[in-house]
Amino acid sequence: MEQSFIAYIENSIKKNWDLDALTDYKGATLQYKDVARKIEKLHIMFEASGIQKGDKIAVCGRNCSHWGVAFLATLTYGAVVVPILHEFKADNVHNIVNHSEAKLLLVGDQVWENLNESAMPLLEGIIMLQDFSLLVSRTEKLTFAREHLNEMFGKKYPKNFRKEHVFYHKDEPEELAVINYTSGTTSYSKGVMLPYRSLWSNTHFAFEVLPLKAGDKLVSMLPMAHMYGLAFEFLYEFAVGCHIFFLTRMPSPKIIFQAFAEVNPHLVIAVPLIIEKIIKKKVLPKLETPAMKLLLKVPIINDKIKATVREQVIKAFGGNFTEVIIGGAAFNHDVEQFLKMIEFPYTVGYGMTECGPIICYEDWRRFLPGSCGKAAPRMEVKILSPDPANIPGEIVCRGPNVMLGYYKNDEATAQVMDKDGWLHTGDLALMDAEGNVTIKGRSKNMLLGPNGQNIYPEEIEDKLNNLPYVAESIIVQQNEKLVGLVYPDFDDAFAHGLKNEDLERVMEENRQALNAELPAYSQIHKMKIYPEEFEKTPKKSIKRFLYQEAKG
């Protein structure tokens, strides 16, 4: 079979010409033919400004229909796309644009307000995502093309633009498609070079395991500049002929609920944080009453209640989906147990930008709770451990999903890719006889106990986050002792009449309760309250390295 990613896009546009494709939630809708027409107009601008195949084009803005159009237009032209997270600070955006040697930047209005064009001298033009107008042009050709775009389009297609005119770049498996800069929670971000085989293999994987069909609907809430959201909320759905709704604002639980209720998506892709918020705020409080706790212990009523609760949770997600796929970070143990108890159709996958992104996955019917699935199709996964079932070791993987390397950084590439093509993930895990992978933590986060025991801070944090009035936490090591840094749920605490000094007392009680569950070598020595939320990467993982020196 021909392994062409662009063929997926081209065929979908032709096949689904009159179907709805992309909608800005509460805004306009583009059909597949409109997307094709906009791609064509961008191609005319690219050509006029002298963009060659292989040149880089950067895209930076909130999720929206035109973001999707810009991404597809770049690839179908034969250029390399550099998606940049809109949450990045201005100097990060400048650095990435310069480091990637991008010739053009397509930018959202909110991002543009903070940027400085003189800090990006290599750009030939900056284009506004909202209406594809020119913000900055450094060549006369580009200015001319934008001013005469409709005229040029009309000349090229005098008798209307039709689906037989859709004819795109032919991609090669090893050809560079995307340079995706990882947020890099530990150090300056690196540009992951993903070839077309990675985009093809990830999209093909989704066709193999996910049940969507043309006309199905989906809400896109993860940033598309991140491979997880890009691959499984946009590229696969577009290739199928789905109708994608972009939440163009910050996806708060309130907006997400509203969108789910209106769109009734056929599949839900999420990060744990969103699911945990929804469960903790909407569902668990109803079950925490003494009467409910008692009823859940009675076997026959129990099943009825579970069914009712399951219905409620399913309804919260729009009531129309086949499964919820969770990935991007560790999933809270208690929330997961709860979903398993009510037999909710969820599965947890595992991946990383360097694999564009998928490494492990399992269908929700066969999924082992606590794990993140098995090696995905076409991927080999090993655990570097003398006894992978019992002793955690580093996850390594290889296969078509794996990147070419880091852009202009051979040293960083050599640190993670070995000569046999295995990618060293830096994550520690166990693997059982069936191949189920259970993540234990990041090897670089692992702490050593007094006698060399391995302490995984994530496991302790997971327990701590379920204790009263804890919103989020980090476990750090200071002078050989473990310290719990806690950002309390102030709203909840004040609503229950607690004052700051009461919170100190509650956290001390939490520390004792937590230690009662922990082995001697991982006891928490003291708690320290933080007044504000911990800083996070765009993937919503806490930037641990900022807090290692926390004195208290």
Protein backbone atom coordinates (compact mmCIF):
# COMPACT_ATOMS: atom_id res chain seq x y z
CA MET A 1 0.00 0.00 0.00
CA GLU A 2 1.17 3.50 -0.75
CA GLN A 3 2.22 5.24 2.45
CA SER A 4 1.37 8.81 1.57
CA PHE A 5 0.08 11.17 4.21
CA ILE A 6 -0.78 13.91 1.72
CA ALA A 7 -2.83 11.39 -0.30
CA TYR A 8 -5.03 11.01 2.81
CA ILE A 9 -5.65 14.79 2.81
CA GLU A 10 -6.13 15.11 -0.96
CA ASN A 11 -8.55 12.16 -1.17
CA SER A 12 -10.59 13.39 1.78
CA ILE A 13 -11.04 16.85 0.24
CA LYS A 14 -12.23 15.33 -3.05
CA LYS A 15 -14.47 12.72 -1.42
CA ASN A 16 -16.04 15.02 1.17
CA TRP A 17 -16.20 18.16 -1.03
CA ASP A 18 -19.68 19.28 0.11
CA LEU A 19 -19.45 18.21 3.78
CA ASP A 20 -18.78 20.55 6.73
CA ALA A 21 -15.11 20.40 7.70
CA LEU A 22 -14.00 23.04 10.21
CA THR A 23 -16.05 25.24 12.54
CA ASP A 24 -14.88 27.91 14.95
CA TYR A 25 -17.18 27.18 17.91
CA LYS A 26 -19.83 29.95 17.97
CA GLY A 27 -18.43 31.14 14.62
CA ALA A 28 -18.21 30.33 10.92
CA THR A 29 -18.04 26.90 9.24
CA LEU A 30 -15.85 25.89 6.31
CA GLN A 31 -16.79 22.97 4.08
CA TYR A 32 -14.10 20.75 2.57
CA LYS A 33 -14.34 22.69 -0.71
CA ASP A 34 -13.81 25.99 1.17
CA VAL A 35 -10.70 24.55 2.81
CA ALA A 36 -9.43 23.52 -0.65
CA ARG A 37 -10.06 27.01 -2.04
CA LYS A 38 -8.22 28.67 0.86
CA ILE A 39 -5.32 26.22 0.51
CA GLU A 40 -5.10 27.16 -3.17
CA LYS A 41 -5.00 30.90 -2.37
CA LEU A 42 -2.26 30.39 0.21
CA HIS A 43 -0.31 28.36 -2.38
CA ILE A 44 -0.54 31.34 -4.78
CA MET A 45 0.88 33.58 -2.04
CA PHE A 46 3.63 31.09 -1.17
CA GLU A 47 4.62 30.76 -4.82
CA ALA A 48 4.59 34.50 -5.42
CA SER A 49 6.80 35.11 -2.42
CA GLY A 50 9.35 32.63 -3.74
CA ILE A 51 8.79 29.86 -1.17
CA GLN A 52 10.54 26.68 -2.36
CA LYS A 53 9.72 23.09 -1.45
CA GLY A 54 11.49 22.32 1.84
CA ASP A 55 11.35 25.94 3.07
CA LYS A 56 9.95 26.43 6.58
CA ILE A 57 6.66 28.16 7.40
CA ALA A 58 5.76 28.83 11.05
CA VAL A 59 2.19 28.88 12.45
CA CYS A 60 1.43 30.36 15.85
CA GLY A 61 -2.03 31.09 17.24
CA ARG A 62 -4.97 29.65 19.15
CA ASN A 63 -6.82 26.70 17.59
CA CYS A 64 -9.10 27.89 14.79
CA SER A 65 -10.20 26.84 11.30
CA HIS A 66 -7.58 29.02 9.63
CA TRP A 67 -4.84 27.43 11.76
CA GLY A 68 -5.87 24.09 10.26
CA VAL A 69 -5.97 25.58 6.75
CA ALA A 70 -2.49 27.12 7.17
CA PHE A 71 -1.05 23.82 8.40
CA LEU A 72 -2.51 21.82 5.49
CA ALA A 73 -1.59 24.48 2.93
CA THR A 74 2.06 24.35 4.02
CA LEU A 75 2.37 20.55 3.75
CA THR A 76 0.39 20.23 0.50
CA TYR A 77 2.70 22.86 -1.04
CA GLY A 78 5.76 20.80 -0.09
CA ALA A 79 7.05 23.21 2.57
CA VAL A 80 7.89 22.24 6.16
CA VAL A 81 5.49 23.44 8.86
CA VAL A 82 6.72 24.73 12.22
CA PRO A 83 3.74 24.83 14.62
CA ILE A 84 4.41 27.02 17.67
CA LEU A 85 2.35 26.94 20.88
CA HIS A 86 0.49 30.22 21.32
CA GLU A 87 1.18 30.09 25.07
CA PHE A 88 4.92 30.49 24.49
CA LYS A 89 6.36 33.82 25.61
CA ALA A 90 7.27 36.28 22.82
CA ASP A 91 11.03 35.69 23.04
CA ASN A 92 10.44 31.92 22.76
CA VAL A 93 8.42 32.50 19.59
CA HIS A 94 11.15 34.76 18.17
CA ASN A 95 13.80 32.12 19.01
CA ILE A 96 11.85 29.30 17.35
CA VAL A 97 11.09 31.34 14.21
CA ASN A 98 14.80 32.22 13.92
CA HIS A 99 16.17 28.78 14.85
CA SER A 100 13.90 27.05 12.32
CA GLU A 101 14.83 29.61 9.62
CA ALA A 102 11.14 30.10 8.81
CA LYS A 103 10.47 32.28 5.73
CA LEU A 104 6.87 33.09 6.64
CA LEU A 105 4.94 33.31 9.91
CA LEU A 106 1.17 32.91 10.12
CA VAL A 107 0.10 34.38 13.42
CA GLY A 108 -3.06 34.82 15.54
CA ASP A 109 -4.11 38.33 16.56
CA GLN A 110 -3.51 37.78 20.31
CA VAL A 111 -0.01 36.38 19.74
CA TRP A 112 0.88 39.16 17.30
CA GLU A 113 0.24 41.90 19.89
CA ASN A 114 3.29 40.75 21.87
CA LEU A 115 5.69 40.00 19.02
CA ASN A 116 8.41 42.20 17.63
CA GLU A 117 9.01 41.81 13.88
CA SER A 118 12.53 43.25 14.06
CA ALA A 119 13.50 40.33 16.34
CA MET A 120 12.75 37.97 13.41
CA PRO A 121 15.00 39.26 10.59
CA LEU A 122 14.84 36.10 8.43
CA LEU A 123 11.10 36.31 7.81
CA GLU A 124 9.96 37.50 4.38
CA GLY A 125 6.43 38.06 5.58
CA ILE A 126 4.01 37.81 8.50
CA ILE A 127 0.41 36.85 7.72
CA MET A 128 -2.59 37.26 10.06
CA LEU A 129 -4.37 33.93 10.63
CA GLN A 130 -7.82 35.47 11.10
CA ASP A 131 -8.15 36.80 7.52
CA PHE A 132 -4.79 35.95 5.87
CA SER A 133 -4.03 39.68 5.53
CA LEU A 134 -0.41 40.84 5.39
CA LEU A 135 0.91 42.25 8.68
CA VAL A 136 4.49 42.57 7.46
CA SER A 137 5.88 42.16 3.97
CA ARG A 138 9.57 42.37 3.21
CA THR A 139 9.31 41.57 -0.49
CA GLU A 140 7.42 43.40 -3.24
CA LYS A 141 6.37 40.05 -4.75
CA LEU A 142 4.50 39.06 -1.59
CA THR A 143 2.79 42.46 -1.31
CA PHE A 144 1.72 42.28 -4.96
CA ALA A 145 0.41 38.72 -4.59
CA ARG A 146 -1.71 39.59 -1.54
CA GLU A 147 -3.14 42.71 -3.20
CA HIS A 148 -4.03 40.84 -6.40
CA LEU A 149 -4.87 37.46 -4.85
CA ASN A 150 -8.46 37.09 -6.05
CA GLU A 151 -7.51 38.25 -9.51
CA MET A 152 -4.63 35.73 -9.68
CA PHE A 153 -6.94 32.98 -8.37
CA GLY A 154 -9.54 33.86 -11.01
CA LYS A 155 -6.93 33.76 -13.79
CA LYS A 156 -5.69 30.36 -12.63
CA TYR A 157 -9.24 28.93 -12.43
CA PRO A 158 -11.34 30.87 -14.96
CA LYS A 159 -14.26 28.39 -14.94
CA ASN A 160 -14.58 27.91 -11.15
CA PHE A 161 -12.36 25.95 -8.85
CA ARG A 162 -13.41 22.28 -8.86
CA LYS A 163 -12.30 19.14 -7.09
CA GLU A 164 -10.37 17.92 -10.16
CA HIS A 165 -8.09 20.93 -9.65
CA VAL A 166 -6.97 19.56 -6.27
CA PHE A 167 -3.51 18.18 -6.92
CA TYR A 168 -0.89 18.30 -4.19
CA HIS A 169 2.77 17.68 -3.43
CA LYS A 170 3.82 13.99 -3.45
CA ASP A 171 5.48 13.18 -0.13
CA GLU A 172 8.32 10.71 0.47
CA PRO A 173 8.41 8.65 3.73
CA GLU A 174 11.76 10.08 4.93
CA GLU A 175 11.00 13.65 3.82
CA LEU A 176 10.77 16.25 6.60
CA ALA A 177 7.17 17.40 7.22
CA VAL A 178 7.01 19.08 10.63
CA ILE A 179 9.48 20.62 13.07
CA ASN A 180 7.72 20.59 16.44
CA TYR A 181 9.46 22.42 19.27
CA THR A 182 8.89 20.60 22.57
CA SER A 183 8.02 22.81 25.49
CA GLY A 184 10.97 21.22 27.28
CA THR A 185 10.09 21.24 30.97
CA THR A 186 13.76 21.01 31.85
CA SER A 187 15.72 23.07 29.38
CA TYR A 188 15.55 25.13 26.23
CA SER A 189 13.18 23.56 23.73
CA LYS A 190 14.39 21.29 20.92
CA GLY A 191 12.96 21.08 17.40
CA VAL A 192 11.67 17.55 16.78
CA MET A 193 11.94 16.68 13.06
CA LEU A 194 9.00 14.49 12.07
CA PRO A 195 9.07 12.92 8.62
CA TYR A 196 6.01 12.07 6.51
CA ARG A 197 6.20 8.40 7.53
CA SER A 198 5.49 9.48 11.12
CA LEU A 199 2.42 11.52 10.11
CA TRP A 200 1.24 8.67 7.87
CA SER A 201 1.80 5.96 10.50
CA ASN A 202 0.03 7.94 13.26
CA THR A 203 -2.92 8.71 10.98
CA HIS A 204 -3.07 5.12 9.73
CA PHE A 205 -2.97 3.92 13.37
CA ALA A 206 -6.05 6.06 14.11
CA PHE A 207 -7.86 4.51 11.11
CA GLU A 208 -7.02 1.06 12.53
CA VAL A 209 -8.23 1.65 16.08
CA LEU A 210 -10.76 4.50 16.06
CA PRO A 211 -14.29 4.13 14.70
CA LEU A 212 -14.98 7.55 13.12
CA LYS A 213 -16.65 8.01 9.72
CA ALA A 214 -17.31 10.94 7.37
CA GLY A 215 -19.74 13.44 8.88
CA ASP A 216 -18.94 12.49 12.50
CA LYS A 217 -18.29 15.41 14.84
CA LEU A 218 -15.46 16.18 17.22
CA VAL A 219 -14.52 19.00 19.61
CA SER A 220 -10.87 20.04 19.37
CA MET A 221 -9.69 21.38 22.73
CA LEU A 222 -6.00 20.43 22.92
CA PRO A 223 -3.53 22.87 21.36
CA MET A 224 -2.93 21.88 17.73
CA ALA A 225 0.69 22.98 17.99
CA HIS A 226 1.07 19.88 20.20
CA MET A 227 1.38 16.54 18.35
CA TYR A 228 -1.27 14.80 20.50
CA GLY A 229 -4.02 17.29 19.65
CA LEU A 230 -2.79 17.73 16.08
CA ALA A 231 -2.71 14.01 15.25
CA PHE A 232 -5.91 12.85 16.97
CA GLU A 233 -8.20 15.90 17.01
CA PHE A 234 -7.37 17.19 13.56
CA LEU A 235 -5.28 15.23 11.04
CA TYR A 236 -7.06 11.87 11.42
CA GLU A 237 -10.51 13.47 11.57
CA PHE A 238 -9.79 15.59 8.50
CA ALA A 239 -8.58 12.50 6.61
CA VAL A 240 -11.84 10.71 7.55
CA GLY A 241 -14.13 13.57 6.51
CA CYS A 242 -15.28 14.57 10.01
CA HIS A 243 -16.65 17.92 11.14
CA ILE A 244 -14.22 19.47 13.64
CA PHE A 245 -15.28 22.18 16.11
CA PHE A 246 -12.45 24.35 17.48
CA LEU A 247 -12.82 25.87 20.95
CA THR A 248 -11.11 29.12 20.01
CA ARG A 249 -10.90 30.27 23.66
CA MET A 250 -9.21 28.79 26.72
CA PRO A 251 -11.01 25.46 27.28
CA SER A 252 -12.43 25.91 30.80
CA PRO A 253 -14.66 23.08 32.10
CA LYS A 254 -17.67 25.36 31.61
CA ILE A 255 -16.96 26.00 27.90
CA ILE A 256 -16.09 22.33 27.35
CA PHE A 257 -19.42 21.19 28.86
CA GLN A 258 -21.33 23.67 26.79
CA ALA A 259 -19.56 22.55 23.58
CA PHE A 260 -20.06 18.84 24.40
CA ALA A 261 -23.77 19.42 25.01
CA GLU A 262 -24.19 21.26 21.69
CA VAL A 263 -21.87 19.26 19.43
CA ASN A 264 -22.39 15.74 20.90
CA PRO A 265 -18.94 14.59 19.72
CA HIS A 266 -18.42 11.00 18.48
CA LEU A 267 -15.01 10.73 20.18
CA VAL A 268 -13.38 12.60 23.06
CA ILE A 269 -9.62 13.18 23.22
CA ALA A 270 -8.39 14.76 26.45
CA VAL A 271 -5.59 15.28 28.92
CA PRO A 272 -6.08 13.93 32.48
CA LEU A 273 -6.42 17.41 33.97
CA ILE A 274 -9.65 18.10 32.05
CA ILE A 275 -11.19 14.71 32.95
CA GLU A 276 -10.13 15.04 36.60
CA LYS A 277 -11.64 18.53 36.88
CA ILE A 278 -14.93 17.35 35.39
CA ILE A 279 -15.13 14.26 37.64
CA LYS A 280 -14.04 16.08 40.82
CA LYS A 281 -16.28 19.12 40.34
CA LYS A 282 -19.34 17.54 38.72
CA VAL A 283 -19.60 13.92 39.82
CA LEU A 284 -17.70 12.92 42.95
CA PRO A 285 -19.36 15.46 45.30
CA LYS A 286 -22.72 13.73 44.66
CA LEU A 287 -21.23 10.36 45.63
CA GLU A 288 -19.36 11.52 48.71
CA THR A 289 -22.50 11.78 50.88
CA PRO A 290 -22.85 9.21 53.71
CA ALA A 291 -26.08 7.86 52.20
CA MET A 292 -24.45 7.29 48.81
CA LYS A 293 -21.41 5.62 50.37
CA LEU A 294 -23.73 3.21 52.18
CA LEU A 295 -25.77 2.44 49.05
CA LEU A 296 -22.63 1.74 47.03
CA LYS A 297 -21.84 -1.08 49.50
CA VAL A 298 -25.13 -2.89 48.79
CA PRO A 299 -24.49 -5.15 45.77
CA ILE A 300 -27.84 -4.93 43.90
CA ILE A 301 -28.50 -1.23 44.45
CA ASN A 302 -24.84 -0.71 43.77
CA ASP A 303 -25.14 -1.78 40.11
CA LYS A 304 -28.16 0.45 39.61
CA ILE A 305 -26.36 3.43 41.10
CA LYS A 306 -23.27 2.72 39.02
CA ALA A 307 -25.39 2.64 35.89
CA THR A 308 -27.01 5.95 36.83
CA VAL A 309 -23.66 7.56 37.60
CA ARG A 310 -22.22 6.22 34.33
CA GLU A 311 -25.16 7.78 32.44
CA GLN A 312 -24.48 11.12 34.16
CA VAL A 313 -20.79 11.06 33.32
CA ILE A 314 -21.48 10.01 29.72
CA LYS A 315 -24.03 12.82 29.42
CA ALA A 316 -21.44 15.31 30.70
CA PHE A 317 -19.33 14.45 27.65
CA GLY A 318 -22.21 14.91 25.21
CA GLY A 319 -23.63 11.38 25.41
CA ASN A 320 -22.70 10.37 21.87
CA PHE A 321 -19.10 9.14 21.93
CA THR A 322 -17.65 5.65 21.54
CA GLU A 323 -14.73 6.21 23.91
CA VAL A 324 -12.65 8.80 25.74
CA ILE A 325 -8.92 8.69 25.03
CA ILE A 326 -6.66 10.14 27.70
CA GLY A 327 -3.00 10.96 27.26
CA GLY A 328 -0.33 13.60 27.65
CA ALA A 329 0.33 13.15 31.39
CA ALA A 330 -0.15 10.76 34.32
CA PHE A 331 -3.74 9.99 35.27
CA ASN A 332 -4.92 10.31 38.88
CA HIS A 333 -5.26 6.83 40.43
CA ASP A 334 -8.53 7.52 42.33
CA VAL A 335 -10.24 9.12 39.35
CA GLU A 336 -9.18 6.17 37.20
CA GLN A 337 -10.49 3.65 39.75
CA PHE A 338 -13.78 5.53 39.82
CA LEU A 339 -14.11 5.41 35.99
CA LYS A 340 -13.29 1.70 36.05
CA MET A 341 -15.87 1.08 38.79
CA ILE A 342 -18.68 2.65 36.76
CA GLU A 343 -17.43 0.85 33.61
CA PHE A 344 -16.84 4.09 31.74
CA PRO A 345 -15.41 3.61 28.21
CA TYR A 346 -11.99 5.22 28.56
CA THR A 347 -8.47 4.26 27.63
CA VAL A 348 -5.09 5.83 28.44
CA GLY A 349 -2.47 6.05 25.70
CA TYR A 350 1.21 6.93 25.84
CA GLY A 351 3.33 8.88 23.45
CA MET A 352 5.74 11.74 23.00
CA THR A 353 6.38 14.49 20.46
CA GLU A 354 9.39 12.51 19.18
CA CYS A 355 6.98 9.81 17.92
CA GLY A 356 4.42 12.19 16.50
CA PRO A 357 3.11 11.07 19.13
CA ILE A 358 1.83 7.51 19.59
CA ILE A 359 3.87 4.75 21.27
CA CYS A 360 1.33 2.70 23.28
CA TYR A 361 -2.43 2.24 23.08
CA GLU A 362 -5.16 -0.34 23.79
CA ASP A 363 -8.88 -0.38 23.02
CA TRP A 364 -10.97 0.49 26.10
CA ARG A 365 -12.59 -2.97 26.15
CA ARG A 366 -9.23 -4.69 26.65
CA PHE A 367 -7.44 -1.88 28.43
CA LEU A 368 -5.72 -2.76 31.73
CA PRO A 369 -6.44 -0.05 34.36
CA GLY A 370 -3.34 1.76 35.57
CA SER A 371 -1.44 0.95 32.36
CA CYS A 372 -1.09 3.00 29.18
CA GLY A 373 -1.78 0.15 26.76
CA LYS A 374 0.53 -1.95 24.60
CA ALA A 375 2.90 -1.11 21.76
CA ALA A 376 0.94 0.59 18.97
CA PRO A 377 0.80 -1.04 15.49
CA ARG A 378 4.17 -0.86 13.66
CA MET A 379 5.96 0.18 16.89
CA GLU A 380 8.38 -1.96 18.91
CA VAL A 381 8.57 -1.20 22.63
CA LYS A 382 11.08 -2.60 25.14
CA ILE A 383 11.81 -1.97 28.81
CA LEU A 384 15.53 -1.82 29.63
CA SER A 385 15.37 -3.92 32.78
CA PRO A 386 16.63 -7.39 33.85
CA ASP A 387 13.04 -8.17 34.92
CA PRO A 388 10.58 -5.81 33.17
CA ALA A 389 7.55 -7.28 34.99
CA ASN A 390 8.92 -6.35 38.42
CA ILE A 391 11.81 -3.91 38.09
CA PRO A 392 11.12 -0.61 36.31
CA GLY A 393 13.39 0.27 33.43
CA GLU A 394 13.55 2.90 30.72
CA ILE A 395 11.07 2.64 27.86
CA VAL A 396 12.75 2.50 24.45
CA CYS A 397 10.91 2.25 21.15
CA ARG A 398 11.48 2.17 17.41
CA GLY A 399 9.39 2.15 14.29
CA PRO A 400 8.00 4.46 11.60
CA ASN A 401 6.56 6.93 14.14
CA VAL A 402 10.02 7.89 15.42
CA MET A 403 11.51 11.29 14.49
CA LEU A 404 14.52 11.92 12.24
CA GLY A 405 16.24 13.74 15.13
CA TYR A 406 16.41 17.23 16.65
CA TYR A 407 16.81 20.09 14.19
CA LYS A 408 20.40 21.42 14.07
CA ASN A 409 21.21 19.58 17.32
CA ASP A 410 23.13 16.35 16.68
CA GLU A 411 24.33 16.20 20.26
CA ALA A 412 20.79 16.12 21.70
CA THR A 413 19.79 13.58 19.01
CA ALA A 414 22.69 11.29 19.93
CA GLN A 415 21.57 11.38 23.58
CA VAL A 416 18.18 9.85 22.79
CA MET A 417 18.62 7.83 19.57
CA ASP A 418 20.99 4.87 19.57
CA LYS A 419 22.70 3.34 16.53
CA ASP A 420 20.03 0.63 16.19
CA GLY A 421 17.26 3.20 15.88
CA TRP A 422 15.88 2.86 19.42
CA LEU A 423 14.51 6.07 20.89
CA HIS A 424 15.28 6.38 24.62
CA THR A 425 12.21 8.03 26.14
CA GLY A 426 13.50 8.92 29.62
CA ASP A 427 10.33 7.37 31.07
CA LEU A 428 10.46 4.42 33.48
CA ALA A 429 7.93 1.62 33.30
CA LEU A 430 7.05 -2.03 33.89
CA MET A 431 5.78 -4.40 31.20
CA ASP A 432 3.77 -7.54 31.93
CA ALA A 433 3.72 -10.79 29.93
CA GLU A 434 0.84 -9.48 27.76
CA GLY A 435 2.86 -6.39 26.84
CA ASN A 436 0.89 -3.91 28.96
CA VAL A 437 3.12 -0.96 29.86
CA THR A 438 2.69 0.76 33.25
CA ILE A 439 4.56 4.02 33.69
CA LYS A 440 6.39 4.58 36.95
CA GLY A 441 7.71 8.08 36.32
CA ARG A 442 10.26 10.16 34.44
CA SER A 443 13.77 8.87 34.99
CA LYS A 444 14.96 12.43 35.46
CA ASN A 445 12.37 13.03 38.20
CA MET A 446 13.27 9.89 40.11
CA LEU A 447 14.67 10.53 43.60
CA LEU A 448 16.94 8.23 45.56
CA GLY A 449 15.94 7.16 49.08
CA PRO A 450 18.39 6.96 52.01
CA ASN A 451 19.52 3.44 51.03
CA GLY A 452 19.34 3.89 47.29
CA GLN A 453 15.62 3.10 47.02
CA ASN A 454 13.88 4.53 43.95
CA ILE A 455 11.27 7.12 44.87
CA TYR A 456 8.85 8.21 42.15
CA PRO A 457 7.55 11.63 43.21
CA GLU A 458 4.59 11.30 40.81
CA GLU A 459 3.20 8.35 42.81
CA ILE A 460 3.33 10.28 46.10
CA GLU A 461 1.83 13.41 44.49
CA ASP A 462 -0.99 11.34 43.09
CA LYS A 463 -1.95 10.29 46.67
CA LEU A 464 -1.38 13.76 48.11
CA ASN A 465 -3.59 15.42 45.47
CA ASN A 466 -6.58 13.44 46.76
CA LEU A 467 -6.27 14.73 50.33
CA PRO A 468 -8.45 17.57 51.68
CA TYR A 469 -7.91 21.03 50.19
CA VAL A 470 -4.94 20.04 48.01
CA ALA A 471 -5.24 21.48 44.49
CA GLU A 472 -1.78 20.40 43.28
CA SER A 473 1.55 19.35 44.72
CA ILE A 474 5.22 18.60 44.03
CA ILE A 475 7.48 16.37 46.08
CA VAL A 476 11.09 17.62 46.23
CA GLN A 477 14.17 16.39 48.04
CA GLN A 478 16.09 18.73 50.36
CA ASN A 479 19.05 17.63 52.48
CA GLU A 480 18.10 13.97 51.91
CA LYS A 481 14.56 14.64 53.20
CA LEU A 482 11.34 14.81 51.20
CA VAL A 483 9.29 18.00 51.31
CA GLY A 484 5.74 18.37 50.00
CA LEU A 485 5.06 21.67 48.22
CA VAL A 486 1.31 22.24 48.09
CA TYR A 487 -0.87 24.77 46.31
CA PRO A 488 -4.14 24.52 48.30
CA ASP A 489 -7.66 24.74 46.91
CA PHE A 490 -8.19 28.13 48.59
CA ASP A 491 -11.74 28.59 47.21
CA ASP A 492 -12.87 25.30 48.69
CA ALA A 493 -11.09 25.97 52.00
CA PHE A 494 -12.51 29.48 52.42
CA ALA A 495 -15.98 28.24 51.42
CA HIS A 496 -15.71 25.85 54.39
CA GLY A 497 -14.73 28.73 56.68
CA LEU A 498 -11.02 27.86 56.96
CA LYS A 499 -8.42 30.57 57.50
CA ASN A 500 -4.75 30.47 56.53
CA GLU A 501 -3.61 29.11 59.89
CA ASP A 502 -6.26 26.35 59.64
CA LEU A 503 -4.76 25.36 56.28
CA GLU A 504 -1.35 24.92 57.95
CA ARG A 505 -2.98 22.53 60.42
CA VAL A 506 -4.87 20.62 57.68
CA MET A 507 -1.67 20.19 55.65
CA GLU A 508 0.10 18.79 58.72
CA GLU A 509 -2.80 16.32 59.12
CA ASN A 510 -2.49 15.48 55.43
CA ARG A 511 1.23 14.87 55.88
CA GLN A 512 0.56 12.37 58.68
CA ALA A 513 -2.21 10.64 56.73
CA LEU A 514 0.05 10.40 53.68
CA ASN A 515 3.01 9.03 55.67
CA ALA A 516 0.76 6.31 57.09
CA GLU A 517 0.45 5.02 53.50
CA LEU A 518 4.10 5.41 52.49
CA PRO A 519 7.12 3.17 53.13
CA ALA A 520 9.67 4.43 55.66
CA TYR A 521 12.16 5.58 53.02
CA SER A 522 9.66 7.88 51.30
CA GLN A 523 8.18 9.65 54.34
CA ILE A 524 7.36 13.33 53.92
CA HIS A 525 9.39 15.43 56.35
CA LYS A 526 7.31 18.60 56.09
CA MET A 527 4.74 20.46 54.02
CA LYS A 528 5.14 23.89 52.51
CA ILE A 529 2.16 25.90 51.27
CA TYR A 530 2.47 27.79 48.00
CA PRO A 531 0.27 30.88 47.50
CA GLU A 532 -0.20 30.43 43.76
CA GLU A 533 -0.49 27.70 41.15
CA PHE A 534 2.72 26.03 40.02
CA GLU A 535 4.01 27.09 36.62
CA LYS A 536 3.14 24.61 33.90
CA THR A 537 4.19 23.65 30.42
CA PRO A 538 1.60 23.98 27.63
CA LYS A 539 0.86 20.28 28.16
CA LYS A 540 -0.14 21.19 31.73
CA SER A 541 2.68 19.33 33.46
CA ILE A 542 4.30 21.25 36.31
CA LYS A 543 7.73 22.74 35.55
CA ARG A 544 9.44 20.78 38.32
CA PHE A 545 12.89 22.19 37.74
CA LEU A 546 11.70 25.61 38.96
CA TYR A 547 10.88 24.23 42.41
CA GLN A 548 13.83 22.00 43.24
CA GLU A 549 15.48 24.68 45.36
CA ALA A 550 12.28 25.63 47.21
CA LYS A 551 13.40 26.65 50.68
CA GLY A 552 11.05 26.33 53.60
